């Protein structure tokens, strides 16, 4: 909280009391747009993970029928990598908070 007060006082001195609300609204809108864009990216990544997982499972099912071994471990590794990417995107999105 003390850091926010210091930032507010510096912004008030630099920008002035007339422009500060306008700049605050612009920053709020910008952060909202950024958060929306990141949510779209998250949704896209989730969709791609689901599609890739389905394709891999379908391929694995077909591969097991013809006797290819070890494919399950590869699928698990790929799923873990995709899950890690998804978790990182979600973590980044959760750190973004709009100005109040």
Protein backbone atom coordinates (compact mmCIF):
# COMPACT_ATOMS: atom_id res chain seq x y z
CA UNK A 1 0.00 0.00 0.00
CA UNK A 2 2.75 2.55 0.75
CA UNK A 3 4.21 1.94 -2.72
CA UNK A 4 0.85 2.69 -4.32
CA UNK A 5 0.58 5.96 -2.40
CA UNK A 6 4.10 6.95 -3.47
CA UNK A 7 3.31 6.14 -7.11
CA UNK A 8 0.07 8.12 -6.90
CA UNK A 9 1.85 11.17 -5.40
CA UNK A 10 4.60 11.07 -8.06
CA UNK A 11 2.01 10.68 -10.82
CA UNK A 12 0.02 13.58 -9.37
CA UNK A 13 3.10 15.80 -9.36
CA UNK A 14 4.22 14.79 -12.85
CA UNK A 15 0.86 14.75 -14.63
CA UNK A 16 -1.20 17.14 -12.59
CA UNK A 17 -4.61 16.77 -10.97
CA UNK A 18 -6.60 17.52 -14.15
CA UNK A 19 -5.03 14.83 -16.33
CA UNK A 20 -4.60 12.12 -13.67
CA UNK A 21 -8.16 10.69 -13.84
CA UNK A 22 -7.99 10.60 -17.63
CA UNK A 23 -4.67 8.74 -17.56
CA UNK A 24 -6.02 6.36 -14.91
CA UNK A 25 -9.00 5.49 -17.09
CA UNK A 26 -6.75 4.96 -20.10
CA UNK A 27 -4.49 2.65 -18.08
CA UNK A 28 -7.50 0.75 -16.77
CA UNK A 29 -8.86 0.25 -20.28
CA UNK A 30 -5.43 -0.84 -21.49
CA UNK A 31 -5.07 -3.40 -18.71
CA UNK A 32 -8.58 -4.67 -19.37
CA UNK A 33 -7.78 -5.15 -23.06
CA UNK A 34 -4.51 -6.87 -22.18
CA UNK A 35 -6.27 -9.22 -19.79
CA UNK A 36 -8.92 -9.98 -22.42
CA UNK A 37 -6.22 -10.73 -25.01
CA UNK A 38 -4.39 -13.00 -22.60
CA UNK A 39 -7.64 -14.81 -21.84
CA UNK A 40 -8.13 -15.34 -25.57
CA UNK A 41 -4.61 -16.78 -25.77
CA UNK A 42 -5.36 -19.03 -22.79
CA UNK A 43 -8.56 -20.27 -24.44
CA UNK A 44 -6.70 -20.91 -27.69
CA UNK A 45 -3.94 -22.83 -25.88
CA UNK A 46 -6.55 -24.90 -24.02
CA UNK A 47 -8.27 -25.69 -27.29
CA UNK A 48 -5.00 -26.68 -28.94
CA UNK A 49 -4.04 -28.86 -25.96
CA UNK A 50 -7.38 -30.67 -26.14
CA UNK A 51 -7.08 -31.14 -29.91
CA UNK A 52 -3.48 -32.35 -29.67
CA UNK A 53 -4.33 -34.72 -26.82
CA UNK A 54 -7.22 -36.17 -28.80
CA UNK A 55 -5.05 -36.63 -31.89
CA UNK A 56 -2.29 -38.25 -29.84
CA UNK A 57 -4.74 -40.60 -28.14
CA UNK A 58 -6.25 -41.52 -31.49
CA UNK A 59 -2.77 -42.12 -32.94
CA UNK A 60 -1.74 -44.11 -29.88
CA UNK A 61 -4.81 -46.30 -30.12
CA UNK A 62 -4.04 -47.00 -33.76
CA UNK A 63 -0.34 -47.55 -33.01
CA UNK A 64 -1.03 -50.01 -30.23
CA UNK A 65 -3.14 -52.07 -32.60
CA UNK A 66 -0.11 -52.61 -34.84
CA UNK A 67 2.28 -53.26 -31.95
CA UNK A 68 4.24 -50.00 -31.53
CA UNK A 69 5.49 -49.90 -27.94
CA UNK A 70 6.53 -46.96 -25.77
CA UNK A 71 4.12 -44.55 -27.39
CA UNK A 72 2.24 -44.05 -24.12
CA UNK A 73 5.32 -42.55 -22.44
CA UNK A 74 5.80 -40.14 -25.32
CA UNK A 75 2.17 -39.09 -25.11
CA UNK A 76 2.49 -38.50 -21.37
CA UNK A 77 5.59 -36.36 -21.94
CA UNK A 78 3.85 -34.26 -24.57
CA UNK A 79 0.75 -33.87 -22.38
CA UNK A 80 2.94 -32.74 -19.48
CA UNK A 81 4.70 -30.17 -21.67
CA UNK A 82 1.40 -28.80 -22.94
CA UNK A 83 -0.02 -28.73 -19.41
CA UNK A 84 3.05 -26.83 -18.19
CA UNK A 85 2.56 -24.23 -20.94
CA UNK A 86 -1.12 -23.91 -20.04
CA UNK A 87 -0.29 -23.49 -16.35
CA UNK A 88 2.30 -20.79 -17.13
CA UNK A 89 -0.21 -18.84 -19.24
CA UNK A 90 -2.81 -19.10 -16.47
CA UNK A 91 -0.25 -17.96 -13.91
CA UNK A 92 0.69 -14.94 -16.05
CA UNK A 93 -2.96 -14.01 -16.52
CA UNK A 94 -3.68 -14.26 -12.80
CA UNK A 95 -0.89 -11.77 -12.05
CA UNK A 96 -2.57 -9.07 -14.14
CA UNK A 97 -5.04 -7.03 -12.12
CA UNK A 98 -6.95 -4.00 -13.42
CA UNK A 99 -6.51 -0.70 -11.65
CA UNK A 100 -9.28 0.12 -9.24
